[in-house]
Amino acid sequence: MIMSIRRGAVALAAVALLGLPLVAQADNKHVNEAVQHAKGAVDHGKQGHADAVAQHAEEALKHAQAAGVKNPHLDEGIKELKEAVTHGKAGHADVATKHAEAAVMHLSEVK
């Protein structure tokens, strides 16, 4: 009886430990998507496509906000993405690109 309780406890502990990275991985998926879209914003910005910067930055912003991670780099990345959207919509591809680049830098630091 004691052996089965120990086996159950060990099994429960293993599931708990193995389950934690899955939760973190799910959060990181949004961060990874945010980084990819922010990089897309940078690429389009370098081509002078302000409207595309805004579109990619908006998509990146959605993912960054959905990440559910408490991290100062995520917070800064979100601020930069908001600026990229604002400037992209205003037709300022160069300024929007700088903000998107800063967002990539910060979001890439989110663990």
Protein backbone atom coordinates (compact mmCIF):
# COMPACT_ATOMS: atom_id res chain seq x y z
CA MET A 1 0.00 0.00 0.00
CA ILE A 2 2.79 2.44 0.91
CA MET A 3 4.59 1.58 -2.35
CA SER A 4 1.54 2.43 -4.44
CA ILE A 5 1.16 5.76 -2.64
CA ARG A 6 4.82 6.56 -3.31
CA ARG A 7 4.47 5.57 -6.98
CA GLY A 8 1.39 7.78 -7.22
CA ALA A 9 3.22 10.69 -5.63
CA VAL A 10 6.21 10.23 -7.93
CA ALA A 11 3.94 10.03 -10.96
CA LEU A 12 2.08 13.16 -9.88
CA ALA A 13 5.35 15.02 -9.33
CA ALA A 14 6.61 13.96 -12.77
CA VAL A 15 3.42 15.16 -14.45
CA ALA A 16 3.60 18.47 -12.59
CA LEU A 17 7.23 19.01 -13.56
CA LEU A 18 6.69 17.99 -17.15
CA GLY A 19 3.57 20.11 -17.42
CA LEU A 20 5.26 23.36 -16.40
CA PRO A 21 7.33 23.73 -19.57
CA LEU A 22 4.19 23.20 -21.62
CA VAL A 23 2.55 26.20 -19.97
CA ALA A 24 5.65 28.33 -20.51
CA GLN A 25 5.91 27.10 -24.07
CA ALA A 26 2.33 28.14 -24.80
CA ASP A 27 3.09 31.67 -23.56
CA ASN A 28 6.32 31.79 -25.55
CA LYS A 29 4.43 30.84 -28.71
CA HIS A 30 2.73 34.23 -28.59
CA VAL A 31 6.03 35.97 -27.92
CA ASN A 32 7.61 34.13 -30.85
CA GLU A 33 4.72 35.14 -33.11
CA ALA A 34 5.06 38.73 -31.92
CA VAL A 35 8.76 38.71 -32.78
CA GLN A 36 8.10 37.29 -36.24
CA HIS A 37 5.45 39.90 -37.03
CA ALA A 38 7.62 42.69 -35.64
CA LYS A 39 10.44 41.51 -37.93
CA GLY A 40 7.97 41.60 -40.81
CA ALA A 41 7.15 45.18 -39.86
CA VAL A 42 10.86 46.04 -39.95
CA ASP A 43 11.31 44.41 -43.36
CA HIS A 44 8.40 46.35 -44.85
CA GLY A 45 9.52 49.54 -43.17
CA LYS A 46 12.93 49.29 -44.80
CA GLN A 47 11.09 49.17 -48.12
CA GLY A 48 9.14 52.31 -47.20
CA HIS A 49 5.78 50.54 -46.76
CA ALA A 50 4.34 52.43 -43.80
CA ASP A 51 0.92 50.79 -44.07
CA ALA A 52 2.45 47.29 -43.95
CA VAL A 53 4.52 48.29 -40.92
CA ALA A 54 1.30 49.25 -39.15
CA GLN A 55 -0.41 45.97 -40.13
CA HIS A 56 2.45 43.75 -38.99
CA ALA A 57 2.97 45.79 -35.82
CA GLU A 58 -0.73 45.47 -34.98
CA GLU A 59 -0.55 41.69 -35.39
CA ALA A 60 2.61 41.58 -33.29
CA LEU A 61 0.88 43.68 -30.65
CA LYS A 62 -2.04 41.23 -30.44
CA HIS A 63 0.35 38.35 -29.83
CA ALA A 64 2.48 40.28 -27.35
CA GLN A 65 -0.58 41.24 -25.33
CA ALA A 66 -1.82 37.63 -25.39
CA ALA A 67 1.50 36.25 -24.12
CA GLY A 68 0.47 36.57 -20.49
CA VAL A 69 4.06 36.88 -19.32
CA LYS A 70 5.10 39.41 -16.69
CA ASN A 71 8.34 40.80 -18.06
CA PRO A 72 9.67 44.37 -18.42
CA HIS A 73 10.95 43.60 -21.93
CA LEU A 74 7.47 42.52 -22.96
CA ASP A 75 6.07 45.78 -21.58
CA GLU A 76 8.65 47.82 -23.50
CA GLY A 77 8.04 45.77 -26.64
CA ILE A 78 4.32 46.52 -26.41
CA LYS A 79 5.03 50.26 -26.04
CA GLU A 80 7.30 50.19 -29.09
CA LEU A 81 4.73 48.26 -31.14
CA LYS A 82 2.06 50.83 -30.28
CA GLU A 83 4.38 53.58 -31.50
CA ALA A 84 5.14 51.61 -34.67
CA VAL A 85 1.41 51.29 -35.37
CA THR A 86 0.79 54.98 -34.76
CA HIS A 87 3.64 56.14 -36.98
CA GLY A 88 2.93 53.54 -39.65
CA LYS A 89 -0.68 54.69 -39.91
CA ALA A 90 0.58 58.28 -40.16
CA GLY A 91 2.76 57.29 -43.13
CA HIS A 92 6.07 57.66 -41.28
CA ALA A 93 7.75 54.45 -42.41
CA ASP A 94 11.18 55.45 -41.13
CA VAL A 95 10.04 56.27 -37.58
CA ALA A 96 7.68 53.29 -37.47
CA THR A 97 10.58 51.04 -38.51
CA LYS A 98 12.78 52.33 -35.67
CA HIS A 99 10.03 51.50 -33.19
CA ALA A 100 9.50 48.07 -34.74
CA GLU A 101 13.24 47.39 -34.49
CA ALA A 102 13.19 48.36 -30.82
CA ALA A 103 10.18 46.06 -30.31
CA VAL A 104 12.09 43.15 -31.89
CA MET A 105 15.02 43.81 -29.56
CA HIS A 106 12.83 43.86 -26.43
CA LEU A 107 10.57 40.97 -27.40
CA SER A 108 13.59 38.82 -28.21
CA GLU A 109 14.69 39.24 -24.58
CA VAL A 110 11.43 37.87 -23.14
CA LYS A 111 12.09 34.50 -21.49
